[in-house]
């Protein structure tokens, strides 16, 4: 049996999140467990749903994607993290936060 890649999207821009969700749903073998638009409490939701990969926006109000990633790593056994951003200035920081772990 083929394995399904379970994903979750966290992006405060509803349009960007919807576009990414639509793209993910066109890929065979990929499921989108949830789309979150608020980083508050996101680490707990992510831990509860246990996705294989999280598409994580970096710049969000209240909490950055880097902070959410740190919370996931501190909780242990984090999912793979794919940072999503329109700002290429965040690339080095994303690498430092184990974007390619």
Protein backbone atom coordinates (compact mmCIF):
# COMPACT_ATOMS: atom_id res chain seq x y z
CA UNK A 1 0.00 0.00 0.00
CA UNK A 2 1.23 3.51 -0.80
CA UNK A 3 1.98 5.78 2.11
CA UNK A 4 0.08 9.05 2.38
CA UNK A 5 2.08 12.14 3.33
CA UNK A 6 0.06 13.99 5.98
CA UNK A 7 0.59 17.75 5.87
CA UNK A 8 -0.57 20.82 7.75
CA UNK A 9 -0.45 24.45 6.60
CA UNK A 10 0.10 27.39 8.98
CA UNK A 11 -0.13 30.76 7.25
CA UNK A 12 -1.80 33.95 8.48
CA UNK A 13 -2.69 34.96 4.90
CA UNK A 14 -5.90 33.05 4.08
CA UNK A 15 -5.41 33.46 0.33
CA UNK A 16 -1.87 32.10 0.40
CA UNK A 17 -2.95 29.22 2.64
CA UNK A 18 -5.85 28.38 0.32
CA UNK A 19 -3.57 28.43 -2.73
CA UNK A 20 -1.09 26.08 -1.05
CA UNK A 21 -3.89 23.81 0.13
CA UNK A 22 -5.30 23.63 -3.39
CA UNK A 23 -1.85 22.77 -4.77
CA UNK A 24 -1.28 20.07 -2.13
CA UNK A 25 -4.66 18.48 -2.86
CA UNK A 26 -3.69 18.03 -6.52
CA UNK A 27 -0.73 15.85 -5.58
CA UNK A 28 -1.31 12.11 -5.32
CA UNK A 29 -0.29 10.65 -2.00
CA UNK A 30 -0.61 13.95 -0.10
CA UNK A 31 -3.35 14.84 2.36
CA UNK A 32 -3.92 18.16 4.10
CA UNK A 33 -4.98 17.52 7.69
CA UNK A 34 -5.66 21.17 8.55
CA UNK A 35 -5.08 24.75 7.53
CA UNK A 36 -4.35 27.11 10.43
CA UNK A 37 -4.27 30.90 10.12
CA UNK A 38 -3.21 31.81 13.67
CA UNK A 39 0.11 30.79 15.23
CA UNK A 40 -1.32 31.00 18.77
CA UNK A 41 -1.77 27.43 19.96
CA UNK A 42 -0.54 26.05 16.64
CA UNK A 43 2.22 23.92 18.19
CA UNK A 44 -0.35 22.08 20.32
CA UNK A 45 -2.66 21.51 17.34
CA UNK A 46 0.26 20.28 15.26
CA UNK A 47 1.32 17.88 18.02
CA UNK A 48 -2.25 16.57 18.31
CA UNK A 49 -2.67 15.99 14.56
CA UNK A 50 0.87 14.62 14.09
CA UNK A 51 1.44 15.58 10.44
CA UNK A 52 4.51 14.34 8.60
CA UNK A 53 5.25 17.83 7.28
CA UNK A 54 4.21 21.37 8.17
CA UNK A 55 4.20 24.23 5.68
CA UNK A 56 5.03 27.10 7.99
CA UNK A 57 4.80 30.81 7.20
CA UNK A 58 7.59 32.83 8.80
CA UNK A 59 6.19 36.31 9.30
CA UNK A 60 2.91 36.20 11.22
CA UNK A 61 1.40 38.52 13.83
CA UNK A 62 1.91 37.48 17.43
CA UNK A 63 4.44 34.73 16.79
CA UNK A 64 6.89 33.96 14.00
CA UNK A 65 7.17 30.66 12.23
CA UNK A 66 10.63 30.35 13.77
CA UNK A 67 9.06 30.49 17.24
CA UNK A 68 6.51 27.83 16.29
CA UNK A 69 9.31 25.65 14.89
CA UNK A 70 11.28 26.05 18.13
CA UNK A 71 8.21 25.02 20.16
CA UNK A 72 7.80 21.92 17.98
CA UNK A 73 11.46 20.96 18.41
CA UNK A 74 11.33 21.51 22.17
CA UNK A 75 8.24 19.26 22.41
CA UNK A 76 10.23 16.45 20.76
CA UNK A 77 9.72 14.44 17.57
CA UNK A 78 8.81 17.43 15.37
CA UNK A 79 7.41 16.99 11.87
CA UNK A 80 9.44 18.03 8.86
CA UNK A 81 9.17 21.79 8.48
CA UNK A 82 8.95 23.58 5.17
CA UNK A 83 9.17 27.34 5.63
CA UNK A 84 6.96 29.32 3.27
CA UNK A 85 7.61 33.03 2.81
CA UNK A 86 7.60 35.78 0.24
CA UNK A 87 10.68 37.31 1.89
CA UNK A 88 13.96 35.83 0.62
CA UNK A 89 15.79 37.66 3.43
CA UNK A 90 14.60 34.87 5.76
CA UNK A 91 16.47 32.10 3.91
CA UNK A 92 19.54 32.01 6.19
CA UNK A 93 17.41 32.09 9.33
CA UNK A 94 15.28 29.26 7.95
CA UNK A 95 18.38 27.15 7.38
CA UNK A 96 19.56 27.89 10.92
CA UNK A 97 16.18 26.73 12.23
CA UNK A 98 16.67 23.31 10.60
CA UNK A 99 14.60 23.94 7.50
CA UNK A 100 16.66 21.23 5.82
CA UNK A 101 16.88 18.89 8.80
